[in-house]
Amino acid sequence: MVNARMNSHRPFPPRIAVYAASSLICTILFILLLLIGPPRVEGETSPWREVDDGLLIGEFEAHRNYGSGDTKILILKIDPQKYAFKLMSASEHDGRKIPLKEWVEKYGLVAAFNAGMYQADGITSVGFMKNFKHVNNGRLNKNKAVLSFNPVDPSVPEIQIIDRECQDFENLKGKYRTFVQSIRM
């Protein structure tokens, strides 16, 4: 788990799971942000609603309708100093696809979202996915973004999206334990 602050009313740090199991189609787009956003203008109302300390949710209108009918985009802002991130995949656990709600209930998670897109089996990621020693898919694909967390090296951010086009992924790869490559970032 990533360094998480323990509150007196919480016996364990809350966990946010990057869920990696079944759904090929997500109806809601979750974008992971690190509590860094554009500066607020005085008097401007914020689109963010605080769900908990370090956990905010915002609802935004998409600039275009892509044919799905819903033009709402939900963005979850998570402070990694207050929430532990955990990659959970069917391939690492019991090998069966279960609904997202069941992952949340079974593992006592605060929130969970699909980690990416999957091959025909619905379990193997289309991109590089590794959690500590467990490898779901060991091959990088053409997509450039790799979500990385569970650092080995304290000099790197606790969580970051590595851009393989602009950053040295091979060097950074040795500094983290968990990776999710996805076009959704």
C-alpha atoms as a PDB file:
ATOM      1  CA  MET A   1       0.000   0.000   0.000  1.00  0.00           C
ATOM      2  CA  VAL A   2       1.027   3.561  -0.599  1.00  0.00           C
ATOM      3  CA  ASN A   3       1.732   5.685   2.476  1.00  0.00           C
ATOM      4  CA  ALA A   4      -1.713   6.441   3.862  1.00  0.00           C
ATOM      5  CA  ARG A   5      -2.666   8.643   6.764  1.00  0.00           C
ATOM      6  CA  MET A   6      -4.497   6.847   9.523  1.00  0.00           C
ATOM      7  CA  ASN A   7      -7.383   8.708  11.127  1.00  0.00           C
ATOM      8  CA  SER A   8      -8.619   7.930  14.612  1.00  0.00           C
ATOM      9  CA  HIS A   9     -12.026   6.960  13.206  1.00  0.00           C
ATOM     10  CA  ARG A  10     -10.428   4.637  10.643  1.00  0.00           C
ATOM     11  CA  PRO A  11      -8.537   1.625  12.011  1.00  0.00           C
ATOM     12  CA  PHE A  12      -6.900   0.990   8.623  1.00  0.00           C
ATOM     13  CA  PRO A  13      -5.992   3.312   5.761  1.00  0.00           C
ATOM     14  CA  PRO A  14      -8.760   3.394   3.174  1.00  0.00           C
ATOM     15  CA  ARG A  15      -8.020   1.543  -0.034  1.00  0.00           C
ATOM     16  CA  ILE A  16      -8.782   2.609  -3.563  1.00  0.00           C
ATOM     17  CA  ALA A  17      -8.605  -0.345  -5.913  1.00  0.00           C
ATOM     18  CA  VAL A  18      -7.635  -0.059  -9.505  1.00  0.00           C
ATOM     19  CA  TYR A  19      -9.917  -2.908 -10.502  1.00  0.00           C
ATOM     20  CA  ALA A  20      -8.663  -5.139 -13.261  1.00  0.00           C
ATOM     21  CA  ALA A  21     -11.071  -7.927 -13.961  1.00  0.00           C
ATOM     22  CA  SER A  22     -14.077  -8.011 -16.175  1.00  0.00           C
ATOM     23  CA  SER A  23     -15.810  -5.118 -17.878  1.00  0.00           C
ATOM     24  CA  LEU A  24     -14.780  -4.223 -21.405  1.00  0.00           C
ATOM     25  CA  ILE A  25     -17.221  -1.332 -21.569  1.00  0.00           C
ATOM     26  CA  CYS A  26     -17.396   1.335 -18.851  1.00  0.00           C
ATOM     27  CA  THR A  27     -20.418   3.572 -18.701  1.00  0.00           C
ATOM     28  CA  ILE A  28     -18.663   6.137 -16.538  1.00  0.00           C
ATOM     29  CA  LEU A  29     -15.197   7.468 -17.290  1.00  0.00           C
ATOM     30  CA  PHE A  30     -13.029   7.766 -14.220  1.00  0.00           C
ATOM     31  CA  ILE A  31      -9.907   9.858 -14.556  1.00  0.00           C
ATOM     32  CA  LEU A  32      -7.333   9.669 -11.804  1.00  0.00           C
ATOM     33  CA  LEU A  33      -5.939  13.006 -10.706  1.00  0.00           C
ATOM     34  CA  LEU A  34      -3.587  13.841  -7.868  1.00  0.00           C
ATOM     35  CA  LEU A  35      -5.224  16.709  -5.964  1.00  0.00           C
ATOM     36  CA  ILE A  36      -3.551  19.184  -8.252  1.00  0.00           C
ATOM     37  CA  GLY A  37      -5.930  21.169 -10.332  1.00  0.00           C
ATOM     38  CA  PRO A  38      -6.249  24.506 -12.046  1.00  0.00           C
ATOM     39  CA  PRO A  39      -6.301  27.526  -9.753  1.00  0.00           C
ATOM     40  CA  ARG A  40      -9.730  28.711  -8.670  1.00  0.00           C
ATOM     41  CA  VAL A  41     -10.890  32.165  -9.599  1.00  0.00           C
ATOM     42  CA  GLU A  42     -12.296  34.240  -6.712  1.00  0.00           C
ATOM     43  CA  GLY A  43     -16.088  33.963  -6.597  1.00  0.00           C
ATOM     44  CA  GLU A  44     -16.180  31.007  -8.995  1.00  0.00           C
ATOM     45  CA  THR A  45     -18.204  28.029  -7.783  1.00  0.00           C
ATOM     46  CA  SER A  46     -16.247  24.807  -7.696  1.00  0.00           C
ATOM     47  CA  PRO A  47     -17.448  21.757  -9.646  1.00  0.00           C
ATOM     48  CA  TRP A  48     -15.845  19.582  -6.942  1.00  0.00           C
ATOM     49  CA  ARG A  49     -17.747  17.984  -4.084  1.00  0.00           C
ATOM     50  CA  GLU A  50     -15.726  16.686  -1.147  1.00  0.00           C
ATOM     51  CA  VAL A  51     -16.715  13.116  -0.358  1.00  0.00           C
ATOM     52  CA  ASP A  52     -14.089  12.688   2.361  1.00  0.00           C
ATOM     53  CA  ASP A  53     -10.825  14.313   3.377  1.00  0.00           C
ATOM     54  CA  GLY A  54      -8.622  13.971   0.290  1.00  0.00           C
ATOM     55  CA  LEU A  55     -11.371  12.499  -1.890  1.00  0.00           C
ATOM     56  CA  LEU A  56     -13.305  14.781  -4.249  1.00  0.00           C
ATOM     57  CA  ILE A  57     -15.663  14.087  -7.110  1.00  0.00           C
ATOM     58  CA  GLY A  58     -16.543  16.404  -9.966  1.00  0.00           C
ATOM     59  CA  GLU A  59     -19.138  16.114 -12.701  1.00  0.00           C
ATOM     60  CA  PHE A  60     -18.419  17.818 -16.013  1.00  0.00           C
ATOM     61  CA  GLU A  61     -20.159  18.134 -19.360  1.00  0.00           C
ATOM     62  CA  ALA A  62     -18.285  16.625 -22.294  1.00  0.00           C
ATOM     63  CA  HIS A  63     -17.601  19.062 -25.108  1.00  0.00           C
ATOM     64  CA  ARG A  64     -18.934  16.541 -27.622  1.00  0.00           C
ATOM     65  CA  ASN A  65     -21.506  13.791 -27.620  1.00  0.00           C
ATOM     66  CA  TYR A  66     -19.847  10.571 -28.752  1.00  0.00           C
ATOM     67  CA  GLY A  67     -23.101   8.763 -29.430  1.00  0.00           C
ATOM     68  CA  SER A  68     -23.491   7.059 -26.067  1.00  0.00           C
ATOM     69  CA  GLY A  69     -26.276   9.443 -25.046  1.00  0.00           C
ATOM     70  CA  ASP A  70     -24.647  10.548 -21.783  1.00  0.00           C
ATOM     71  CA  THR A  71     -22.316  13.508 -21.961  1.00  0.00           C
ATOM     72  CA  LYS A  72     -21.385  13.539 -18.273  1.00  0.00           C
ATOM     73  CA  ILE A  73     -17.822  12.836 -17.209  1.00  0.00           C
ATOM     74  CA  LEU A  74     -17.116  11.971 -13.586  1.00  0.00           C
ATOM     75  CA  ILE A  75     -13.638  12.742 -12.294  1.00  0.00           C
ATOM     76  CA  LEU A  76     -12.385  11.401  -9.000  1.00  0.00           C
ATOM     77  CA  LYS A  77      -9.543  13.354  -7.370  1.00  0.00           C
ATOM     78  CA  ILE A  78      -7.600  11.261  -4.875  1.00  0.00           C
ATOM     79  CA  ASP A  79      -4.866  12.441  -2.523  1.00  0.00           C
ATOM     80  CA  PRO A  80      -2.329   9.576  -2.410  1.00  0.00           C
ATOM     81  CA  GLN A  81      -1.124  10.807   0.998  1.00  0.00           C
ATOM     82  CA  LYS A  82      -4.540   9.915   2.436  1.00  0.00           C
ATOM     83  CA  TYR A  83      -5.595   6.875   0.413  1.00  0.00           C
ATOM     84  CA  ALA A  84      -3.759   3.668  -0.388  1.00  0.00           C
ATOM     85  CA  PHE A  85      -3.864   2.486  -3.998  1.00  0.00           C
ATOM     86  CA  LYS A  86      -4.079  -1.210  -4.723  1.00  0.00           C
ATOM     87  CA  LEU A  87      -4.208  -3.050  -8.042  1.00  0.00           C
ATOM     88  CA  MET A  88      -6.522  -6.018  -7.818  1.00  0.00           C
ATOM     89  CA  SER A  89      -6.987  -8.370 -10.739  1.00  0.00           C
ATOM     90  CA  ALA A  90      -8.890 -11.577 -11.292  1.00  0.00           C
ATOM     91  CA  SER A  91      -5.683 -13.151 -12.619  1.00  0.00           C
ATOM     92  CA  GLU A  92      -3.969 -12.499  -9.291  1.00  0.00           C
ATOM     93  CA  HIS A  93      -6.856 -13.473  -7.038  1.00  0.00           C
ATOM     94  CA  ASP A  94      -9.213 -16.343  -7.812  1.00  0.00           C
ATOM     95  CA  GLY A  95      -9.212 -16.162 -11.619  1.00  0.00           C
ATOM     96  CA  ARG A  96     -12.919 -15.468 -11.983  1.00  0.00           C
ATOM     97  CA  LYS A  97     -14.607 -12.302 -13.152  1.00  0.00           C
ATOM     98  CA  ILE A  98     -16.826 -10.720 -10.507  1.00  0.00           C
ATOM     99  CA  PRO A  99     -18.834  -7.481 -10.535  1.00  0.00           C
ATOM    100  CA  LEU A 100     -17.146  -4.319  -9.318  1.00  0.00           C
ATOM    101  CA  LYS A 101     -19.530  -4.020  -6.371  1.00  0.00           C
ATOM    102  CA  GLU A 102     -18.468  -7.465  -5.166  1.00  0.00           C
ATOM    103  CA  TRP A 103     -14.772  -6.425  -5.235  1.00  0.00           C
ATOM    104  CA  VAL A 104     -15.622  -3.392  -3.097  1.00  0.00           C
ATOM    105  CA  GLU A 105     -17.615  -5.429  -0.568  1.00  0.00           C
ATOM    106  CA  LYS A 106     -15.255  -8.420  -0.434  1.00  0.00           C
ATOM    107  CA  TYR A 107     -12.102  -6.338   0.141  1.00  0.00           C
ATOM    108  CA  GLY A 108     -13.578  -3.395   2.117  1.00  0.00           C
ATOM    109  CA  LEU A 109     -12.657  -0.777  -0.474  1.00  0.00           C
ATOM    110  CA  VAL A 110     -13.675   2.875  -0.402  1.00  0.00           C
ATOM    111  CA  ALA A 111     -13.809   3.082  -4.204  1.00  0.00           C
ATOM    112  CA  ALA A 112     -12.877   0.984  -7.200  1.00  0.00           C
ATOM    113  CA  PHE A 113     -12.722   1.436 -10.952  1.00  0.00           C
ATOM    114  CA  ASN A 114     -11.776  -0.576 -13.971  1.00  0.00           C
ATOM    115  CA  ALA A 115      -8.039  -0.410 -14.649  1.00  0.00           C
ATOM    116  CA  GLY A 116      -8.230  -0.660 -18.410  1.00  0.00           C
ATOM    117  CA  MET A 117      -9.250  -2.685 -21.398  1.00  0.00           C
ATOM    118  CA  TYR A 118      -8.952  -6.451 -21.681  1.00  0.00           C
ATOM    119  CA  GLN A 119      -8.322  -9.155 -24.227  1.00  0.00           C
ATOM    120  CA  ALA A 120     -11.074 -11.575 -25.334  1.00  0.00           C
ATOM    121  CA  ASP A 121     -10.787 -13.579 -22.094  1.00  0.00           C
ATOM    122  CA  GLY A 122     -11.906 -10.496 -20.125  1.00  0.00           C
ATOM    123  CA  ILE A 123      -9.078 -11.007 -17.616  1.00  0.00           C
ATOM    124  CA  THR A 124      -5.791 -10.319 -19.444  1.00  0.00           C
ATOM    125  CA  SER A 125      -5.014  -6.633 -19.886  1.00  0.00           C
ATOM    126  CA  VAL A 126      -4.354  -5.382 -23.423  1.00  0.00           C
ATOM    127  CA  GLY A 127      -1.350  -3.466 -22.059  1.00  0.00           C
ATOM    128  CA  PHE A 128       1.426  -3.995 -19.538  1.00  0.00           C
ATOM    129  CA  MET A 129       0.021  -4.835 -16.100  1.00  0.00           C
ATOM    130  CA  LYS A 130       2.171  -5.900 -13.186  1.00  0.00           C
ATOM    131  CA  ASN A 131       1.507  -5.873  -9.438  1.00  0.00           C
ATOM    132  CA  PHE A 132       4.584  -6.609  -7.311  1.00  0.00           C
ATOM    133  CA  LYS A 133       5.608 -10.115  -8.523  1.00  0.00           C
ATOM    134  CA  HIS A 134       2.327 -10.933 -10.279  1.00  0.00           C
ATOM    135  CA  VAL A 135       2.299 -10.225 -14.011  1.00  0.00           C
ATOM    136  CA  ASN A 136      -1.078 -10.033 -15.745  1.00  0.00           C
ATOM    137  CA  ASN A 137       0.466  -8.947 -19.072  1.00  0.00           C
ATOM    138  CA  GLY A 138       4.221  -8.491 -19.405  1.00  0.00           C
ATOM    139  CA  ARG A 139       4.176  -6.770 -22.805  1.00  0.00           C
ATOM    140  CA  LEU A 140       4.029  -3.051 -23.449  1.00  0.00           C
ATOM    141  CA  ASN A 141       1.704  -2.048 -26.268  1.00  0.00           C
ATOM    142  CA  LYS A 142       1.752   1.120 -28.411  1.00  0.00           C
ATOM    143  CA  ASN A 143      -0.012   3.254 -25.775  1.00  0.00           C
ATOM    144  CA  LYS A 144       2.364   5.681 -24.066  1.00  0.00           C
ATOM    145  CA  ALA A 145       0.771   6.130 -20.599  1.00  0.00           C
ATOM    146  CA  VAL A 146       1.622   3.836 -17.682  1.00  0.00           C
ATOM    147  CA  LEU A 147       0.119   4.408 -14.251  1.00  0.00           C
ATOM    148  CA  SER A 148       2.809   3.534 -11.697  1.00  0.00           C
ATOM    149  CA  PHE A 149       2.534   3.267  -7.920  1.00  0.00           C
ATOM    150  CA  ASN A 150       3.854   1.375  -4.892  1.00  0.00           C
ATOM    151  CA  PRO A 151       7.310   2.962  -5.158  1.00  0.00           C
ATOM    152  CA  VAL A 152      10.501   1.153  -4.261  1.00  0.00           C
ATOM    153  CA  ASP A 153      12.497   4.399  -4.422  1.00  0.00           C
ATOM    154  CA  PRO A 154      11.439   7.200  -2.020  1.00  0.00           C
ATOM    155  CA  SER A 155      12.763   9.857  -4.428  1.00  0.00           C
ATOM    156  CA  VAL A 156       9.907   9.306  -6.923  1.00  0.00           C
ATOM    157  CA  PRO A 157       6.271  10.386  -6.493  1.00  0.00           C
ATOM    158  CA  GLU A 158       4.036   7.862  -4.724  1.00  0.00           C
ATOM    159  CA  ILE A 159       1.940   7.605  -7.849  1.00  0.00           C
ATOM    160  CA  GLN A 160       2.474   8.958 -11.336  1.00  0.00           C
ATOM    161  CA  ILE A 161       1.410   8.510 -14.909  1.00  0.00           C
ATOM    162  CA  ILE A 162       4.612   7.873 -16.840  1.00  0.00           C
ATOM    163  CA  ASP A 163       4.593   9.134 -20.424  1.00  0.00           C
ATOM    164  CA  ARG A 164       6.849   6.704 -22.308  1.00  0.00           C
ATOM    165  CA  GLU A 165       7.353   9.252 -25.061  1.00  0.00           C
ATOM    166  CA  CYS A 166       8.712  11.930 -22.722  1.00  0.00           C
ATOM    167  CA  GLN A 167      10.123   9.940 -19.802  1.00  0.00           C
ATOM    168  CA  ASP A 168      12.622   7.102 -19.429  1.00  0.00           C
ATOM    169  CA  PHE A 169      10.244   4.239 -18.632  1.00  0.00           C
ATOM    170  CA  GLU A 170      12.997   1.629 -18.466  1.00  0.00           C
ATOM    171  CA  ASN A 171      14.713   3.630 -15.707  1.00  0.00           C
ATOM    172  CA  LEU A 172      11.466   4.413 -13.865  1.00  0.00           C
ATOM    173  CA  LYS A 173      10.262   0.817 -14.146  1.00  0.00           C
ATOM    174  CA  GLY A 174      12.781  -0.230 -11.488  1.00  0.00           C
ATOM    175  CA  LYS A 175      11.448   2.387  -9.077  1.00  0.00           C
ATOM    176  CA  TYR A 176       7.865   1.072  -8.763  1.00  0.00           C
ATOM    177  CA  ARG A 177       6.154  -2.231  -7.982  1.00  0.00           C
ATOM    178  CA  THR A 178       2.773  -1.690  -9.695  1.00  0.00           C
ATOM    179  CA  PHE A 179       2.030  -0.728 -13.310  1.00  0.00           C
ATOM    180  CA  VAL A 180      -1.098  -0.363 -15.431  1.00  0.00           C
ATOM    181  CA  GLN A 181      -0.748   0.605 -19.083  1.00  0.00           C
ATOM    182  CA  SER A 182      -3.946   1.898 -20.602  1.00  0.00           C
ATOM    183  CA  ILE A 183      -5.302   4.173 -23.279  1.00  0.00           C
ATOM    184  CA  ARG A 184      -7.808   5.499 -20.719  1.00  0.00           C
ATOM    185  CA  MET A 185      -5.183   7.693 -19.105  1.00  0.00           C
END
